[in-house]
Amino acid sequence: MANLCLVYGMRLLPADDIAELGEATIKLKNGREAHVTLHVLEGGKEEIEKQLKISVDSFFDFYPEI
Protein backbone atom coordinates (compact mmCIF):
# COMPACT_ATOMS: atom_id res chain seq x y z
CA MET A 1 0.00 0.00 0.00
CA ALA A 2 1.18 3.50 -0.78
CA ASN A 3 2.16 5.95 1.94
CA LEU A 4 -0.95 8.12 2.38
CA CYS A 5 -1.47 11.76 3.34
CA LEU A 6 -4.71 12.92 4.97
CA VAL A 7 -5.32 16.59 4.12
CA TYR A 8 -7.55 18.54 6.48
CA GLY A 9 -7.98 21.95 8.08
CA MET A 10 -9.97 23.29 11.00
CA ARG A 11 -11.06 26.69 12.18
CA LEU A 12 -13.67 27.78 14.69
CA LEU A 13 -15.82 30.76 13.70
CA PRO A 14 -19.12 32.10 15.00
CA ALA A 15 -21.77 30.10 13.09
CA ASP A 16 -23.63 33.26 12.01
CA ASP A 17 -20.50 34.78 10.42
CA ILE A 18 -20.19 32.23 7.58
CA ALA A 19 -21.71 33.47 4.33
CA GLU A 20 -20.31 30.93 1.86
CA LEU A 21 -18.16 27.82 1.77
CA GLY A 22 -16.18 26.58 -1.22
CA GLU A 23 -13.56 23.92 -1.79
CA ALA A 24 -9.82 23.93 -1.32
CA THR A 25 -7.51 23.18 -4.24
CA ILE A 26 -4.44 20.97 -3.91
CA LYS A 27 -1.74 21.20 -6.59
CA LEU A 28 -0.13 17.81 -7.25
CA LYS A 29 3.47 17.23 -8.33
CA ASN A 30 2.28 15.84 -11.67
CA GLY A 31 0.71 19.22 -12.52
CA ARG A 32 -2.87 18.15 -11.88
CA GLU A 33 -5.17 19.44 -9.17
CA ALA A 34 -7.25 17.70 -6.52
CA HIS A 35 -10.07 19.28 -4.56
CA VAL A 36 -11.10 19.00 -0.92
CA THR A 37 -14.70 19.59 0.05
CA LEU A 38 -15.12 21.66 3.19
CA HIS A 39 -17.59 20.54 5.85
CA VAL A 40 -19.34 22.50 8.58
CA LEU A 41 -20.05 21.20 12.08
CA GLU A 42 -22.10 23.43 14.39
CA GLY A 43 -22.86 23.29 18.10
CA GLY A 44 -21.02 23.46 21.36
CA LYS A 45 -17.59 21.95 21.99
CA GLU A 46 -18.92 18.49 22.92
CA GLU A 47 -21.36 18.40 19.98
CA ILE A 48 -18.65 19.39 17.50
CA GLU A 49 -16.22 16.81 18.91
CA LYS A 50 -18.85 14.06 18.64
CA GLN A 51 -19.81 15.05 15.07
CA LEU A 52 -16.14 15.25 14.05
CA LYS A 53 -15.42 11.73 15.33
CA ILE A 54 -18.43 10.35 13.45
CA SER A 55 -17.38 12.22 10.31
CA VAL A 56 -13.78 10.88 10.44
CA ASP A 57 -14.99 7.33 11.09
CA SER A 58 -17.43 7.61 8.16
CA PHE A 59 -14.70 8.98 5.89
CA PHE A 60 -12.63 5.82 6.32
CA ASP A 61 -15.71 3.69 5.57
CA PHE A 62 -15.39 4.99 1.97
CA TYR A 63 -11.94 3.38 1.75
CA PRO A 64 -12.30 -0.21 3.06
CA GLU A 65 -9.08 -1.21 1.27
CA ILE A 66 -6.90 0.76 3.71
PDB file of N, CA and C in Angstrom:
ATOM      1  N   MET A   1       0.831  -1.184   0.000  1.00  0.00           N
ATOM      2  CA  MET A   1       0.000   0.000   0.000  1.00  0.00           C
ATOM      3  C   MET A   1       0.876   1.248   0.000  1.00  0.00           C
ATOM      4  N   ALA A   2       0.446   2.242  -0.705  1.00  0.00           N
ATOM      5  CA  ALA A   2       1.185   3.503  -0.784  1.00  0.00           C
ATOM      6  C   ALA A   2       1.152   4.239   0.554  1.00  0.00           C
ATOM      7  N   ASN A   3       2.153   5.068   0.789  1.00  0.00           N
ATOM      8  CA  ASN A   3       2.164   5.949   1.939  1.00  0.00           C
ATOM      9  C   ASN A   3       1.116   7.027   1.676  1.00  0.00           C
ATOM     10  N   LEU A   4       0.172   7.203   2.582  1.00  0.00           N
ATOM     11  CA  LEU A   4      -0.945   8.122   2.378  1.00  0.00           C
ATOM     12  C   LEU A   4      -0.742   9.432   3.114  1.00  0.00           C
ATOM     13  N   CYS A   5      -1.489  10.447   2.698  1.00  0.00           N
ATOM     14  CA  CYS A   5      -1.466  11.759   3.343  1.00  0.00           C
ATOM     15  C   CYS A   5      -2.909  12.232   3.496  1.00  0.00           C
ATOM     16  N   LEU A   6      -3.370  12.401   4.721  1.00  0.00           N
ATOM     17  CA  LEU A   6      -4.709  12.922   4.972  1.00  0.00           C
ATOM     18  C   LEU A   6      -4.612  14.443   5.041  1.00  0.00           C
ATOM     19  N   VAL A   7      -5.346  15.118   4.178  1.00  0.00           N
ATOM     20  CA  VAL A   7      -5.320  16.585   4.123  1.00  0.00           C
ATOM     21  C   VAL A   7      -6.574  17.109   4.821  1.00  0.00           C
ATOM     22  N   TYR A   8      -6.397  17.966   5.800  1.00  0.00           N
ATOM     23  CA  TYR A   8      -7.552  18.544   6.477  1.00  0.00           C
ATOM     24  C   TYR A   8      -7.175  19.895   7.065  1.00  0.00           C
ATOM     25  N   GLY A   9      -8.184  20.668   7.416  1.00  0.00           N
ATOM     26  CA  GLY A   9      -7.977  21.948   8.078  1.00  0.00           C
ATOM     27  C   GLY A   9      -9.148  22.208   9.011  1.00  0.00           C
ATOM     28  N   MET A  10      -8.909  22.973  10.061  1.00  0.00           N
ATOM     29  CA  MET A  10      -9.971  23.291  11.004  1.00  0.00           C
ATOM     30  C   MET A  10      -9.862  24.747  11.432  1.00  0.00           C
ATOM     31  N   ARG A  11     -11.017  25.330  11.649  1.00  0.00           N
ATOM     32  CA  ARG A  11     -11.055  26.686  12.176  1.00  0.00           C
ATOM     33  C   ARG A  11     -12.399  26.891  12.840  1.00  0.00           C
ATOM     34  N   LEU A  12     -12.419  27.465  14.010  1.00  0.00           N
ATOM     35  CA  LEU A  12     -13.672  27.784  14.693  1.00  0.00           C
ATOM     36  C   LEU A  12     -14.045  29.228  14.410  1.00  0.00           C
ATOM     37  N   LEU A  13     -15.267  29.426  13.969  1.00  0.00           N
ATOM     38  CA  LEU A  13     -15.816  30.755  13.699  1.00  0.00           C
ATOM     39  C   LEU A  13     -17.226  30.823  14.279  1.00  0.00           C
ATOM     40  N   PRO A  14     -17.712  32.010  14.593  1.00  0.00           N
ATOM     41  CA  PRO A  14     -19.119  32.103  15.002  1.00  0.00           C
ATOM     42  C   PRO A  14     -20.001  31.614  13.839  1.00  0.00           C
ATOM     43  N   ALA A  15     -20.941  30.717  14.134  1.00  0.00           N
ATOM     44  CA  ALA A  15     -21.766  30.104  13.089  1.00  0.00           C
ATOM     45  C   ALA A  15     -22.464  31.142  12.212  1.00  0.00           C
ATOM     46  N   ASP A  16     -22.897  32.240  12.783  1.00  0.00           N
ATOM     47  CA  ASP A  16     -23.629  33.258  12.014  1.00  0.00           C
ATOM     48  C   ASP A  16     -22.732  34.085  11.107  1.00  0.00           C
ATOM     49  N   ASP A  17     -21.416  33.983  11.230  1.00  0.00           N
ATOM     50  CA  ASP A  17     -20.502  34.780  10.420  1.00  0.00           C
ATOM     51  C   ASP A  17     -20.213  34.174   9.050  1.00  0.00           C
ATOM     52  N   ILE A  18     -20.539  32.904   8.840  1.00  0.00           N
ATOM     53  CA  ILE A  18     -20.195  32.234   7.583  1.00  0.00           C
ATOM     54  C   ILE A  18     -21.250  32.538   6.527  1.00  0.00           C
ATOM     55  N   ALA A  19     -20.802  33.127   5.420  1.00  0.00           N
ATOM     56  CA  ALA A  19     -21.708  33.468   4.328  1.00  0.00           C
ATOM     57  C   ALA A  19     -21.652  32.435   3.210  1.00  0.00           C
ATOM     58  N   GLU A  20     -20.479  31.864   2.972  1.00  0.00           N
ATOM     59  CA  GLU A  20     -20.313  30.933   1.856  1.00  0.00           C
ATOM     60  C   GLU A  20     -19.132  30.018   2.129  1.00  0.00           C
ATOM     61  N   LEU A  21     -19.223  28.801   1.619  1.00  0.00           N
ATOM     62  CA  LEU A  21     -18.155  27.824   1.771  1.00  0.00           C
ATOM     63  C   LEU A  21     -17.847  27.249   0.401  1.00  0.00           C
ATOM     64  N   GLY A  22     -16.576  27.120   0.077  1.00  0.00           N
ATOM     65  CA  GLY A  22     -16.181  26.581  -1.221  1.00  0.00           C
ATOM     66  C   GLY A  22     -15.371  25.318  -1.028  1.00  0.00           C
ATOM     67  N   GLU A  23     -14.447  25.073  -1.915  1.00  0.00           N
ATOM     68  CA  GLU A  23     -13.564  23.923  -1.788  1.00  0.00           C
ATOM     69  C   GLU A  23     -12.125  24.394  -1.865  1.00  0.00           C
ATOM     70  N   ALA A  24     -11.246  23.616  -1.280  1.00  0.00           N
ATOM     71  CA  ALA A  24      -9.820  23.933  -1.320  1.00  0.00           C
ATOM     72  C   ALA A  24      -9.173  23.180  -2.480  1.00  0.00           C
ATOM     73  N   THR A  25      -8.207  23.803  -3.123  1.00  0.00           N
ATOM     74  CA  THR A  25      -7.506  23.184  -4.244  1.00  0.00           C
ATOM     75  C   THR A  25      -6.119  22.740  -3.802  1.00  0.00           C
ATOM     76  N   ILE A  26      -5.765  21.526  -4.205  1.00  0.00           N
ATOM     77  CA  ILE A  26      -4.442  20.974  -3.915  1.00  0.00           C
ATOM     78  C   ILE A  26      -3.716  20.801  -5.245  1.00  0.00           C
ATOM     79  N   LYS A  27      -2.538  21.365  -5.375  1.00  0.00           N
ATOM     80  CA  LYS A  27      -1.737  21.197  -6.589  1.00  0.00           C
ATOM     81  C   LYS A  27      -0.821  19.989  -6.403  1.00  0.00           C
ATOM     82  N   LEU A  28      -0.919  19.030  -7.326  1.00  0.00           N
ATOM     83  CA  LEU A  28      -0.129  17.809  -7.248  1.00  0.00           C
ATOM     84  C   LEU A  28       1.180  17.958  -8.016  1.00  0.00           C
ATOM     85  N   LYS A  29       2.160  17.169  -7.677  1.00  0.00           N
ATOM     86  CA  LYS A  29       3.470  17.235  -8.328  1.00  0.00           C
ATOM     87  C   LYS A  29       3.399  16.946  -9.820  1.00  0.00           C
ATOM     88  N   ASN A  30       2.395  16.168 -10.251  1.00  0.00           N
ATOM     89  CA  ASN A  30       2.280  15.844 -11.674  1.00  0.00           C
ATOM     90  C   ASN A  30       1.599  16.953 -12.478  1.00  0.00           C
ATOM     91  N   GLY A  31       1.317  18.089 -11.838  1.00  0.00           N
ATOM     92  CA  GLY A  31       0.714  19.224 -12.516  1.00  0.00           C
ATOM     93  C   GLY A  31      -0.806  19.260 -12.430  1.00  0.00           C
ATOM     94  N   ARG A  32      -1.415  18.186 -11.999  1.00  0.00           N
ATOM     95  CA  ARG A  32      -2.868  18.148 -11.880  1.00  0.00           C
ATOM     96  C   ARG A  32      -3.308  18.762 -10.556  1.00  0.00           C
ATOM     97  N   GLU A  33      -4.616  18.915 -10.406  1.00  0.00           N
ATOM     98  CA  GLU A  33      -5.174  19.443  -9.170  1.00  0.00           C
ATOM     99  C   GLU A  33      -6.146  18.437  -8.568  1.00  0.00           C
ATOM    100  N   ALA A  34      -6.247  18.460  -7.257  1.00  0.00           N
ATOM    101  CA  ALA A  34      -7.251  17.700  -6.524  1.00  0.00           C
ATOM    102  C   ALA A  34      -8.032  18.716  -5.700  1.00  0.00           C
ATOM    103  N   HIS A  35      -9.227  18.354  -5.313  1.00  0.00           N
ATOM    104  CA  HIS A  35     -10.070  19.282  -4.556  1.00  0.00           C
ATOM    105  C   HIS A  35     -10.536  18.638  -3.256  1.00  0.00           C
ATOM    106  N   VAL A  36     -10.639  19.446  -2.223  1.00  0.00           N
ATOM    107  CA  VAL A  36     -11.096  19.004  -0.918  1.00  0.00           C
ATOM    108  C   VAL A  36     -12.388  19.742  -0.604  1.00  0.00           C
ATOM    109  N   THR A  37     -13.432  18.985  -0.338  1.00  0.00           N
ATOM    110  CA  THR A  37     -14.705  19.586   0.049  1.00  0.00           C
ATOM    111  C   THR A  37     -14.631  19.994   1.513  1.00  0.00           C
ATOM    112  N   LEU A  38     -15.104  21.175   1.810  1.00  0.00           N
ATOM    113  CA  LEU A  38     -15.115  21.655   3.188  1.00  0.00           C
ATOM    114  C   LEU A  38     -16.437  21.275   3.847  1.00  0.00           C
ATOM    115  N   HIS A  39     -16.395  20.941   5.108  1.00  0.00           N
ATOM    116  CA  HIS A  39     -17.588  20.539   5.848  1.00  0.00           C
ATOM    117  C   HIS A  39     -17.775  21.469   7.036  1.00  0.00           C
ATOM    118  N   VAL A  40     -19.022  21.637   7.453  1.00  0.00           N
ATOM    119  CA  VAL A  40     -19.344  22.500   8.581  1.00  0.00           C
ATOM    120  C   VAL A  40     -19.975  21.665   9.689  1.00  0.00           C
ATOM    121  N   LEU A  41     -19.475  21.820  10.898  1.00  0.00           N
ATOM    122  CA  LEU A  41     -20.051  21.198  12.082  1.00  0.00           C
ATOM    123  C   LEU A  41     -20.408  22.314  13.050  1.00  0.00           C
ATOM    124  N   GLU A  42     -21.657  22.368  13.487  1.00  0.00           N
ATOM    125  CA  GLU A  42     -22.103  23.429  14.390  1.00  0.00           C
ATOM    126  C   GLU A  42     -22.519  22.865  15.728  1.00  0.00           C
ATOM    127  N   GLY A  43     -22.425  23.673  16.758  1.00  0.00           N
ATOM    128  CA  GLY A  43     -22.859  23.294  18.098  1.00  0.00           C
ATOM    129  C   GLY A  43     -21.839  23.716  19.115  1.00  0.00           C
ATOM    130  N   GLY A  44     -21.987  23.197  20.294  1.00  0.00           N
ATOM    131  CA  GLY A  44     -21.021  23.458  21.361  1.00  0.00           C
ATOM    132  C   GLY A  44     -19.818  22.541  21.195  1.00  0.00           C
ATOM    133  N   LYS A  45     -18.840  22.704  22.070  1.00  0.00           N
ATOM    134  CA  LYS A  45     -17.593  21.946  21.990  1.00  0.00           C
ATOM    135  C   LYS A  45     -17.853  20.437  21.943  1.00  0.00           C
ATOM    136  N   GLU A  46     -18.665  19.937  22.860  1.00  0.00           N
ATOM    137  CA  GLU A  46     -18.924  18.493  22.922  1.00  0.00           C
ATOM    138  C   GLU A  46     -19.639  18.006  21.670  1.00  0.00           C
ATOM    139  N   GLU A  47     -20.616  18.790  21.184  1.00  0.00           N
ATOM    140  CA  GLU A  47     -21.357  18.404  19.979  1.00  0.00           C
ATOM    141  C   GLU A  47     -20.440  18.354  18.759  1.00  0.00           C
ATOM    142  N   ILE A  48     -19.579  19.347  18.634  1.00  0.00           N
ATOM    143  CA  ILE A  48     -18.648  19.391  17.498  1.00  0.00           C
ATOM    144  C   ILE A  48     -17.674  18.211  17.571  1.00  0.00           C
ATOM    145  N   GLU A  49     -17.144  17.936  18.761  1.00  0.00           N
ATOM    146  CA  GLU A  49     -16.216  16.809  18.908  1.00  0.00           C
ATOM    147  C   GLU A  49     -16.886  15.494  18.526  1.00  0.00           C
ATOM    148  N   LYS A  50     -18.123  15.288  18.949  1.00  0.00           N
ATOM    149  CA  LYS A  50     -18.852  14.063  18.636  1.00  0.00           C
ATOM    150  C   LYS A  50     -19.092  13.954  17.123  1.00  0.00           C
ATOM    151  N   GLN A  51     -19.552  15.052  16.500  1.00  0.00           N
ATOM    152  CA  GLN A  51     -19.805  15.053  15.067  1.00  0.00           C
ATOM    153  C   GLN A  51     -18.520  14.819  14.277  1.00  0.00           C
ATOM    154  N   LEU A  52     -17.417  15.409  14.734  1.00  0.00           N
ATOM    155  CA  LEU A  52     -16.138  15.254  14.047  1.00  0.00           C
ATOM    156  C   LEU A  52     -15.673  13.796  14.080  1.00  0.00           C
ATOM    157  N   LYS A  53     -15.808  13.145  15.221  1.00  0.00           N
ATOM    158  CA  LYS A  53     -15.419  11.732  15.329  1.00  0.00           C
ATOM    159  C   LYS A  53     -16.255  10.872  14.387  1.00  0.00           C
ATOM    160  N   ILE A  54     -17.552  11.106  14.348  1.00  0.00           N
ATOM    161  CA  ILE A  54     -18.431  10.353  13.453  1.00  0.00           C
ATOM    162  C   ILE A  54     -18.046  10.600  12.005  1.00  0.00           C
ATOM    163  N   SER A  55     -17.747  11.855  11.674  1.00  0.00           N
ATOM    164  CA  SER A  55     -17.377  12.218  10.311  1.00  0.00           C
ATOM    165  C   SER A  55     -16.078  11.530   9.881  1.00  0.00           C
ATOM    166  N   VAL A  56     -15.071  11.525  10.759  1.00  0.00           N
ATOM    167  CA  VAL A  56     -13.785  10.879  10.440  1.00  0.00           C
ATOM    168  C   VAL A  56     -13.975   9.372  10.289  1.00  0.00           C
ATOM    169  N   ASP A  57     -14.729   8.769  11.189  1.00  0.00           N
ATOM    170  CA  ASP A  57     -14.991   7.330  11.093  1.00  0.00           C
ATOM    171  C   ASP A  57     -15.705   7.008   9.775  1.00  0.00           C
ATOM    172  N   SER A  58     -16.679   7.829   9.407  1.00  0.00           N
ATOM    173  CA  SER A  58     -17.427   7.611   8.161  1.00  0.00           C
ATOM    174  C   SER A  58     -16.533   7.786   6.945  1.00  0.00           C
ATOM    175  N   PHE A  59     -15.611   8.737   7.003  1.00  0.00           N
ATOM    176  CA  PHE A  59     -14.697   8.979   5.888  1.00  0.00           C
ATOM    177  C   PHE A  59     -13.926   7.708   5.550  1.00  0.00           C
ATOM    178  N   PHE A  60     -13.415   7.023   6.556  1.00  0.00           N
ATOM    179  CA  PHE A  60     -12.630   5.819   6.323  1.00  0.00           C
ATOM    180  C   PHE A  60     -13.493   4.639   5.855  1.00  0.00           C
ATOM    181  N   ASP A  61     -14.802   4.717   6.093  1.00  0.00           N
ATOM    182  CA  ASP A  61     -15.706   3.688   5.574  1.00  0.00           C
ATOM    183  C   ASP A  61     -15.734   3.714   4.036  1.00  0.00           C
ATOM    184  N   PHE A  62     -15.423   4.864   3.435  1.00  0.00           N
ATOM    185  CA  PHE A  62     -15.387   4.989   1.972  1.00  0.00           C
ATOM    186  C   PHE A  62     -14.171   4.270   1.377  1.00  0.00           C
ATOM    187  N   TYR A  63     -13.182   3.993   2.202  1.00  0.00           N
ATOM    188  CA  TYR A  63     -11.943   3.382   1.745  1.00  0.00           C
ATOM    189  C   TYR A  63     -11.667   2.079   2.509  1.00  0.00           C
ATOM    190  N   PRO A  64     -12.480   1.040   2.298  1.00  0.00           N
ATOM    191  CA  PRO A  64     -12.299  -0.205   3.063  1.00  0.00           C
ATOM    192  C   PRO A  64     -10.971  -0.911   2.745  1.00  0.00           C
ATOM    193  N   GLU A  65     -10.335  -0.555   1.643  1.00  0.00           N
ATOM    194  CA  GLU A  65      -9.081  -1.214   1.268  1.00  0.00           C
ATOM    195  C   GLU A  65      -7.899  -0.765   2.105  1.00  0.00           C
ATOM    196  N   ILE A  66      -8.034   0.320   2.881  1.00  0.00           N
ATOM    197  CA  ILE A  66      -6.898   0.763   3.711  1.00  0.00           C
ATOM    198  C   ILE A  66      -7.067   0.320   5.148  1.00  0.00           C
TER     199      ILE A  66
END
